[in-house]
N, C-alpha and C. Protein backbone atom coordinates (compact mmCIF):
# COMPACT_ATOMS: atom_id res chain seq x y z
N UNK A 1 35.19 -10.35 64.40
CA UNK A 1 34.80 -11.11 63.23
C UNK A 1 36.07 -11.45 62.45
N UNK A 2 36.18 -12.70 62.11
CA UNK A 2 37.36 -13.14 61.37
C UNK A 2 37.22 -12.80 59.89
N UNK A 3 38.36 -12.77 59.23
CA UNK A 3 38.38 -12.48 57.80
C UNK A 3 37.64 -13.55 57.01
N UNK A 4 37.76 -14.79 57.45
CA UNK A 4 37.09 -15.89 56.77
C UNK A 4 35.57 -15.74 56.87
N UNK A 5 35.08 -15.36 58.04
CA UNK A 5 33.63 -15.15 58.24
C UNK A 5 33.15 -13.99 57.38
N UNK A 6 33.92 -12.92 57.32
CA UNK A 6 33.55 -11.77 56.51
C UNK A 6 33.49 -12.14 55.03
N UNK A 7 34.45 -12.94 54.57
CA UNK A 7 34.43 -13.41 53.18
C UNK A 7 33.17 -14.23 52.89
N UNK A 8 32.76 -15.07 53.83
CA UNK A 8 31.56 -15.88 53.66
C UNK A 8 30.31 -15.01 53.57
N UNK A 9 30.25 -13.98 54.40
CA UNK A 9 29.11 -13.06 54.38
C UNK A 9 29.06 -12.31 53.06
N UNK A 10 30.20 -11.82 52.60
CA UNK A 10 30.25 -11.09 51.34
C UNK A 10 29.88 -11.99 50.16
N UNK A 11 30.35 -13.22 50.18
CA UNK A 11 30.02 -14.17 49.12
C UNK A 11 28.52 -14.47 49.10
N UNK A 12 27.94 -14.66 50.29
CA UNK A 12 26.50 -14.90 50.42
C UNK A 12 25.72 -13.71 49.89
N UNK A 13 26.14 -12.50 50.24
CA UNK A 13 25.45 -11.28 49.79
C UNK A 13 25.55 -11.13 48.26
N UNK A 14 26.72 -11.44 47.71
CA UNK A 14 26.89 -11.36 46.25
C UNK A 14 25.98 -12.37 45.55
N UNK A 15 25.91 -13.58 46.07
CA UNK A 15 25.05 -14.61 45.48
C UNK A 15 23.58 -14.19 45.56
N UNK A 16 23.20 -13.60 46.69
CA UNK A 16 21.82 -13.11 46.85
C UNK A 16 21.51 -12.03 45.82
N UNK A 17 22.40 -11.07 45.66
CA UNK A 17 22.16 -9.97 44.72
C UNK A 17 22.13 -10.44 43.26
N UNK A 18 23.00 -11.37 42.93
CA UNK A 18 23.01 -11.91 41.56
C UNK A 18 21.70 -12.68 41.29
N UNK A 19 21.28 -13.49 42.25
CA UNK A 19 20.04 -14.25 42.10
C UNK A 19 18.84 -13.32 41.99
N UNK A 20 18.79 -12.31 42.85
CA UNK A 20 17.67 -11.37 42.83
C UNK A 20 17.65 -10.57 41.52
N UNK A 21 18.82 -10.17 41.05
CA UNK A 21 18.90 -9.44 39.78
C UNK A 21 18.38 -10.29 38.63
N UNK A 22 18.83 -11.53 38.56
CA UNK A 22 18.37 -12.43 37.50
C UNK A 22 16.87 -12.66 37.60
N UNK A 23 16.36 -12.84 38.82
CA UNK A 23 14.92 -13.02 39.02
C UNK A 23 14.16 -11.82 38.46
N UNK A 24 14.61 -10.63 38.78
CA UNK A 24 13.94 -9.42 38.30
C UNK A 24 14.00 -9.29 36.78
N UNK A 25 15.12 -9.62 36.19
CA UNK A 25 15.25 -9.54 34.72
C UNK A 25 14.25 -10.49 34.06
N UNK A 26 14.14 -11.71 34.57
CA UNK A 26 13.20 -12.66 33.98
C UNK A 26 11.75 -12.27 34.24
N UNK A 27 11.47 -11.69 35.41
CA UNK A 27 10.12 -11.20 35.68
C UNK A 27 9.76 -10.08 34.70
N UNK A 28 10.70 -9.17 34.46
CA UNK A 28 10.45 -8.07 33.52
C UNK A 28 10.19 -8.62 32.11
N UNK A 29 10.97 -9.60 31.70
CA UNK A 29 10.76 -10.21 30.37
C UNK A 29 9.40 -10.89 30.30
N UNK A 30 9.01 -11.59 31.36
CA UNK A 30 7.70 -12.24 31.39
C UNK A 30 6.59 -11.20 31.34
N UNK A 31 6.73 -10.13 32.12
CA UNK A 31 5.69 -9.11 32.15
C UNK A 31 5.55 -8.43 30.79
N UNK A 32 6.65 -8.29 30.06
CA UNK A 32 6.55 -7.73 28.71
C UNK A 32 5.63 -8.59 27.86
N UNK A 33 5.74 -9.90 27.97
CA UNK A 33 4.87 -10.78 27.19
C UNK A 33 3.44 -10.75 27.74
N UNK A 34 3.28 -10.60 29.04
CA UNK A 34 1.95 -10.49 29.64
C UNK A 34 1.23 -9.25 29.11
N UNK A 35 1.98 -8.16 28.96
CA UNK A 35 1.39 -6.91 28.48
C UNK A 35 1.14 -6.93 26.96
N UNK A 36 2.01 -7.59 26.21
CA UNK A 36 1.93 -7.49 24.76
C UNK A 36 1.00 -8.52 24.12
N UNK A 37 0.87 -9.69 24.71
CA UNK A 37 0.02 -10.71 24.12
C UNK A 37 -1.43 -10.24 23.94
N UNK A 38 -2.05 -9.60 24.92
CA UNK A 38 -3.40 -9.08 24.68
C UNK A 38 -3.46 -8.03 23.57
N UNK A 39 -2.40 -7.26 23.39
CA UNK A 39 -2.37 -6.28 22.28
C UNK A 39 -2.38 -7.01 20.94
N UNK A 40 -1.68 -8.12 20.86
CA UNK A 40 -1.72 -8.93 19.64
C UNK A 40 -3.14 -9.45 19.42
N UNK A 41 -3.81 -9.86 20.51
CA UNK A 41 -5.18 -10.33 20.38
C UNK A 41 -6.10 -9.22 19.89
N UNK A 42 -5.90 -8.00 20.39
CA UNK A 42 -6.69 -6.85 19.90
C UNK A 42 -6.49 -6.69 18.40
N UNK A 43 -5.24 -6.76 17.97
CA UNK A 43 -4.96 -6.61 16.54
C UNK A 43 -5.59 -7.73 15.72
N UNK A 44 -5.59 -8.95 16.24
CA UNK A 44 -6.23 -10.07 15.55
C UNK A 44 -7.74 -9.81 15.45
N UNK A 45 -8.33 -9.38 16.56
CA UNK A 45 -9.78 -9.14 16.58
C UNK A 45 -10.17 -8.04 15.60
N UNK A 46 -9.26 -7.10 15.37
CA UNK A 46 -9.57 -5.97 14.49
C UNK A 46 -8.97 -6.11 13.09
N UNK A 47 -8.38 -7.26 12.79
CA UNK A 47 -7.74 -7.47 11.49
C UNK A 47 -8.75 -7.66 10.37
N UNK A 48 -9.98 -7.94 10.73
CA UNK A 48 -10.99 -8.14 9.69
C UNK A 48 -10.78 -9.45 8.94
N UNK A 49 -10.96 -9.39 7.63
CA UNK A 49 -10.89 -10.60 6.80
C UNK A 49 -9.50 -10.86 6.23
N UNK A 50 -8.52 -10.12 6.64
CA UNK A 50 -7.17 -10.28 6.09
C UNK A 50 -6.50 -11.51 6.69
N UNK A 51 -6.58 -12.61 5.96
CA UNK A 51 -6.02 -13.88 6.45
C UNK A 51 -4.51 -13.80 6.64
N UNK A 52 -3.84 -13.07 5.77
CA UNK A 52 -2.38 -12.97 5.86
C UNK A 52 -1.97 -12.22 7.14
N UNK A 53 -2.65 -11.14 7.45
CA UNK A 53 -2.34 -10.37 8.65
C UNK A 53 -2.65 -11.19 9.89
N UNK A 54 -3.80 -11.85 9.89
CA UNK A 54 -4.18 -12.69 11.04
C UNK A 54 -3.15 -13.81 11.26
N UNK A 55 -2.71 -14.44 10.19
CA UNK A 55 -1.74 -15.53 10.30
C UNK A 55 -0.43 -15.02 10.88
N UNK A 56 0.01 -13.85 10.44
CA UNK A 56 1.25 -13.27 10.96
C UNK A 56 1.11 -12.94 12.45
N UNK A 57 -0.04 -12.36 12.82
CA UNK A 57 -0.27 -12.01 14.22
C UNK A 57 -0.36 -13.25 15.11
N UNK A 58 -1.00 -14.30 14.61
CA UNK A 58 -1.09 -15.55 15.37
C UNK A 58 0.30 -16.14 15.57
N UNK A 59 1.12 -16.11 14.54
CA UNK A 59 2.50 -16.60 14.67
C UNK A 59 3.27 -15.79 15.70
N UNK A 60 3.14 -14.48 15.63
CA UNK A 60 3.80 -13.62 16.62
C UNK A 60 3.31 -13.95 18.03
N UNK A 61 2.00 -14.14 18.17
CA UNK A 61 1.42 -14.47 19.47
C UNK A 61 1.92 -15.79 20.01
N UNK A 62 1.99 -16.79 19.13
CA UNK A 62 2.51 -18.11 19.57
C UNK A 62 3.94 -18.01 20.07
N UNK A 63 4.78 -17.29 19.32
CA UNK A 63 6.18 -17.14 19.73
C UNK A 63 6.29 -16.36 21.04
N UNK A 64 5.48 -15.32 21.17
CA UNK A 64 5.51 -14.53 22.40
C UNK A 64 5.02 -15.34 23.59
N UNK A 65 3.98 -16.14 23.39
CA UNK A 65 3.45 -16.97 24.46
C UNK A 65 4.49 -17.99 24.93
N UNK A 66 5.17 -18.60 23.98
CA UNK A 66 6.23 -19.57 24.32
C UNK A 66 7.37 -18.86 25.07
N UNK A 67 7.78 -17.69 24.57
CA UNK A 67 8.82 -16.90 25.23
C UNK A 67 8.39 -16.54 26.67
N UNK A 68 7.15 -16.11 26.81
CA UNK A 68 6.65 -15.74 28.14
C UNK A 68 6.67 -16.90 29.10
N UNK A 69 6.30 -18.08 28.63
CA UNK A 69 6.35 -19.25 29.50
C UNK A 69 7.78 -19.57 29.93
N UNK A 70 8.72 -19.45 29.03
CA UNK A 70 10.12 -19.70 29.41
C UNK A 70 10.59 -18.68 30.44
N UNK A 71 10.28 -17.42 30.22
CA UNK A 71 10.70 -16.38 31.15
C UNK A 71 10.06 -16.57 32.52
N UNK A 72 8.78 -16.96 32.53
CA UNK A 72 8.12 -17.24 33.80
C UNK A 72 8.81 -18.40 34.52
N UNK A 73 9.16 -19.43 33.78
CA UNK A 73 9.83 -20.59 34.39
C UNK A 73 11.14 -20.21 35.05
N UNK A 74 11.95 -19.43 34.35
CA UNK A 74 13.22 -18.99 34.95
C UNK A 74 12.98 -18.10 36.17
N UNK A 75 12.03 -17.18 36.06
CA UNK A 75 11.71 -16.29 37.20
C UNK A 75 11.21 -17.11 38.38
N UNK A 76 10.39 -18.12 38.10
CA UNK A 76 9.85 -18.98 39.15
C UNK A 76 10.95 -19.74 39.88
N UNK A 77 11.84 -20.34 39.12
CA UNK A 77 12.94 -21.10 39.74
C UNK A 77 13.82 -20.19 40.59
N UNK A 78 14.16 -19.03 40.07
CA UNK A 78 14.99 -18.10 40.84
C UNK A 78 14.25 -17.56 42.05
N UNK A 79 12.94 -17.37 41.94
CA UNK A 79 12.14 -16.98 43.10
C UNK A 79 12.15 -18.05 44.17
N UNK A 80 12.08 -19.31 43.75
CA UNK A 80 12.18 -20.42 44.72
C UNK A 80 13.54 -20.41 45.43
N UNK A 81 14.59 -20.15 44.68
CA UNK A 81 15.94 -20.07 45.29
C UNK A 81 15.97 -18.95 46.32
N UNK A 82 15.42 -17.81 45.97
CA UNK A 82 15.39 -16.68 46.92
C UNK A 82 14.62 -17.06 48.18
N UNK A 83 13.51 -17.74 48.00
CA UNK A 83 12.67 -18.10 49.13
C UNK A 83 13.30 -19.20 49.99
N UNK A 84 13.75 -20.27 49.34
CA UNK A 84 14.22 -21.43 50.09
C UNK A 84 15.67 -21.30 50.57
N UNK A 85 16.54 -20.75 49.74
CA UNK A 85 17.96 -20.67 50.11
C UNK A 85 18.28 -19.42 50.92
N UNK A 86 17.70 -18.30 50.51
CA UNK A 86 18.05 -17.04 51.17
C UNK A 86 17.04 -16.64 52.24
N UNK A 87 15.97 -17.40 52.40
CA UNK A 87 15.05 -17.18 53.51
C UNK A 87 14.13 -15.98 53.37
N UNK A 88 13.78 -15.59 52.16
CA UNK A 88 12.82 -14.50 51.98
C UNK A 88 11.47 -15.01 52.45
N UNK A 89 10.83 -14.29 53.37
CA UNK A 89 9.56 -14.75 53.92
C UNK A 89 8.76 -13.57 54.45
N UNK A 90 7.54 -13.84 54.82
CA UNK A 90 6.66 -12.84 55.40
C UNK A 90 5.28 -12.93 54.79
N UNK A 91 4.31 -12.33 55.47
CA UNK A 91 2.95 -12.33 54.97
C UNK A 91 2.81 -11.63 53.63
N UNK A 92 3.64 -10.60 53.43
CA UNK A 92 3.61 -9.87 52.15
C UNK A 92 3.93 -10.81 50.99
N UNK A 93 4.82 -11.79 51.24
CA UNK A 93 5.21 -12.72 50.18
C UNK A 93 4.02 -13.57 49.75
N UNK A 94 3.19 -14.00 50.70
CA UNK A 94 2.02 -14.79 50.37
C UNK A 94 1.03 -13.97 49.53
N UNK A 95 0.85 -12.71 49.91
CA UNK A 95 -0.03 -11.83 49.13
C UNK A 95 0.53 -11.62 47.73
N UNK A 96 1.85 -11.41 47.64
CA UNK A 96 2.50 -11.21 46.34
C UNK A 96 2.31 -12.45 45.47
N UNK A 97 2.53 -13.63 46.03
CA UNK A 97 2.39 -14.86 45.26
C UNK A 97 0.95 -15.06 44.79
N UNK A 98 -0.02 -14.67 45.61
CA UNK A 98 -1.41 -14.73 45.18
C UNK A 98 -1.67 -13.85 43.97
N UNK A 99 -1.10 -12.65 43.97
CA UNK A 99 -1.26 -11.74 42.83
C UNK A 99 -0.52 -12.27 41.60
N UNK A 100 0.64 -12.89 41.81
CA UNK A 100 1.39 -13.47 40.69
C UNK A 100 0.58 -14.61 40.06
N UNK A 101 -0.11 -15.39 40.87
CA UNK A 101 -0.97 -16.46 40.35
C UNK A 101 -2.08 -15.86 39.48
N UNK A 102 -2.63 -14.72 39.91
CA UNK A 102 -3.66 -14.05 39.10
C UNK A 102 -3.09 -13.55 37.77
N UNK A 103 -1.87 -13.00 37.80
CA UNK A 103 -1.23 -12.55 36.55
C UNK A 103 -0.97 -13.75 35.64
N UNK A 104 -0.51 -14.85 36.22
CA UNK A 104 -0.27 -16.06 35.43
C UNK A 104 -1.58 -16.57 34.82
N UNK A 105 -2.66 -16.54 35.59
CA UNK A 105 -3.96 -16.98 35.07
C UNK A 105 -4.38 -16.08 33.90
N UNK A 106 -4.15 -14.80 34.02
CA UNK A 106 -4.46 -13.85 32.93
C UNK A 106 -3.67 -14.23 31.68
N UNK A 107 -2.39 -14.53 31.85
CA UNK A 107 -1.53 -14.90 30.74
C UNK A 107 -2.00 -16.19 30.08
N UNK A 108 -2.39 -17.15 30.89
CA UNK A 108 -2.87 -18.44 30.36
C UNK A 108 -4.19 -18.24 29.59
N UNK A 109 -5.09 -17.40 30.11
CA UNK A 109 -6.34 -17.11 29.40
C UNK A 109 -6.04 -16.50 28.04
N UNK A 110 -5.10 -15.54 28.00
CA UNK A 110 -4.73 -14.93 26.73
C UNK A 110 -4.17 -15.99 25.77
N UNK A 111 -3.37 -16.90 26.29
CA UNK A 111 -2.83 -17.97 25.46
C UNK A 111 -3.91 -18.90 24.94
N UNK A 112 -4.90 -19.19 25.76
CA UNK A 112 -6.01 -20.05 25.31
C UNK A 112 -6.84 -19.36 24.23
N UNK A 113 -7.03 -18.04 24.39
CA UNK A 113 -7.75 -17.31 23.34
C UNK A 113 -6.98 -17.37 22.03
N UNK A 114 -5.65 -17.23 22.14
CA UNK A 114 -4.81 -17.31 20.94
C UNK A 114 -4.95 -18.68 20.29
N UNK A 115 -4.91 -19.74 21.08
CA UNK A 115 -5.08 -21.09 20.54
C UNK A 115 -6.48 -21.28 19.95
N UNK A 116 -7.46 -20.62 20.55
CA UNK A 116 -8.81 -20.67 20.02
C UNK A 116 -8.91 -20.03 18.65
N UNK A 117 -8.18 -18.94 18.45
CA UNK A 117 -8.16 -18.29 17.13
C UNK A 117 -7.62 -19.27 16.10
N UNK A 118 -6.57 -19.99 16.45
CA UNK A 118 -6.00 -20.98 15.52
C UNK A 118 -7.00 -22.08 15.20
N UNK A 119 -7.89 -22.36 16.15
CA UNK A 119 -8.90 -23.41 15.95
C UNK A 119 -10.16 -22.86 15.29
N UNK A 120 -10.17 -21.56 14.97
CA UNK A 120 -11.32 -20.98 14.28
C UNK A 120 -12.34 -20.32 15.18
N UNK A 121 -12.10 -20.25 16.47
CA UNK A 121 -13.05 -19.59 17.37
C UNK A 121 -12.85 -18.08 17.32
N UNK A 122 -13.88 -17.36 17.68
CA UNK A 122 -13.81 -15.90 17.67
C UNK A 122 -13.30 -15.38 19.01
N UNK A 123 -12.75 -14.19 18.97
CA UNK A 123 -12.24 -13.52 20.17
C UNK A 123 -13.30 -12.58 20.73
N UNK A 124 -13.15 -12.18 21.99
CA UNK A 124 -13.98 -11.08 22.47
C UNK A 124 -13.72 -9.83 21.62
N UNK A 125 -14.50 -8.81 21.80
CA UNK A 125 -14.34 -7.59 21.01
C UNK A 125 -13.00 -6.92 21.32
N UNK A 126 -12.56 -6.08 20.38
CA UNK A 126 -11.33 -5.32 20.60
C UNK A 126 -11.41 -4.49 21.87
N UNK A 127 -12.59 -3.90 22.12
CA UNK A 127 -12.78 -3.09 23.34
C UNK A 127 -12.62 -3.94 24.60
N UNK A 128 -13.25 -5.11 24.62
CA UNK A 128 -13.13 -6.01 25.77
C UNK A 128 -11.68 -6.45 25.97
N UNK A 129 -10.99 -6.71 24.88
CA UNK A 129 -9.59 -7.12 24.98
C UNK A 129 -8.71 -5.98 25.48
N UNK A 130 -9.07 -4.74 25.14
CA UNK A 130 -8.31 -3.60 25.67
C UNK A 130 -8.46 -3.50 27.18
N UNK A 131 -9.67 -3.72 27.67
CA UNK A 131 -9.88 -3.72 29.13
C UNK A 131 -9.13 -4.90 29.77
N UNK A 132 -9.19 -6.03 29.12
CA UNK A 132 -8.47 -7.22 29.60
C UNK A 132 -6.97 -6.93 29.71
N UNK A 133 -6.46 -6.14 28.79
CA UNK A 133 -5.04 -5.79 28.76
C UNK A 133 -4.63 -4.93 29.96
N UNK A 134 -5.58 -4.21 30.57
CA UNK A 134 -5.25 -3.32 31.68
C UNK A 134 -5.15 -4.05 33.03
N UNK A 135 -5.74 -5.20 33.15
CA UNK A 135 -5.75 -5.92 34.43
C UNK A 135 -4.36 -6.20 34.99
N UNK A 136 -3.42 -6.72 34.19
CA UNK A 136 -2.11 -7.03 34.78
C UNK A 136 -1.34 -5.79 35.22
N UNK A 137 -1.65 -4.63 34.65
CA UNK A 137 -0.98 -3.41 35.09
C UNK A 137 -1.33 -3.13 36.55
N UNK A 138 -2.61 -3.25 36.88
CA UNK A 138 -3.05 -3.02 38.26
C UNK A 138 -2.46 -4.07 39.21
N UNK A 139 -2.47 -5.32 38.76
CA UNK A 139 -1.91 -6.39 39.60
C UNK A 139 -0.41 -6.19 39.82
N UNK A 140 0.29 -5.80 38.77
CA UNK A 140 1.74 -5.57 38.90
C UNK A 140 2.01 -4.42 39.85
N UNK A 141 1.22 -3.36 39.79
CA UNK A 141 1.42 -2.23 40.70
C UNK A 141 1.27 -2.70 42.15
N UNK A 142 0.30 -3.56 42.41
CA UNK A 142 0.12 -4.09 43.76
C UNK A 142 1.30 -4.98 44.16
N UNK A 143 1.81 -5.78 43.24
CA UNK A 143 2.97 -6.64 43.52
C UNK A 143 4.18 -5.78 43.89
N UNK A 144 4.44 -4.76 43.09
CA UNK A 144 5.60 -3.89 43.35
C UNK A 144 5.45 -3.22 44.71
N UNK A 145 4.25 -2.75 45.03
CA UNK A 145 4.04 -2.11 46.32
C UNK A 145 4.30 -3.10 47.46
N UNK A 146 3.80 -4.32 47.33
CA UNK A 146 4.03 -5.33 48.38
C UNK A 146 5.52 -5.62 48.56
N UNK A 147 6.25 -5.73 47.47
CA UNK A 147 7.68 -6.03 47.54
C UNK A 147 8.44 -4.89 48.19
N UNK A 148 8.10 -3.67 47.83
CA UNK A 148 8.83 -2.52 48.38
C UNK A 148 8.42 -2.19 49.81
N UNK A 149 7.13 -2.20 50.10
CA UNK A 149 6.64 -1.79 51.42
C UNK A 149 6.70 -2.92 52.46
N UNK A 150 6.57 -4.15 52.01
CA UNK A 150 6.49 -5.30 52.93
C UNK A 150 5.62 -4.95 54.14
N UNK A 151 4.33 -4.65 53.89
CA UNK A 151 3.47 -4.13 54.96
C UNK A 151 3.12 -5.10 56.07
N UNK A 152 3.29 -6.38 55.81
CA UNK A 152 2.98 -7.38 56.85
C UNK A 152 3.81 -8.62 56.65
């Protein structure tokens, strides 16, 4: 193996690791918003008649939702780079992407509920929202298992 070929391999490996690291950081940031937005909805549902508290929580939710969308976008683009440029593939990836679509759908539903609050609609009960908040935890656990085990 020539020195030039070895340099190319090392450069490729460094680019892969940097891209994967950035992808993971943005996924973690997105998941933080996926986990926290339903908690804001619980607080809104349980705020009672306090208009000031509800307004503050809605503002926090709007900012978090916007932040989450940006983080998802960056994670998505970097995931595409990993898939298309670095050749990440396998049946496990299709299963993982299916679960990510479910997590994204959960996030979008939470965002629509938040927008509904701004439009004067009521939220599900605090108890129902607490159960809703647990769904992405289970989905994320399955995603992590698929990524680590690559079972198929």
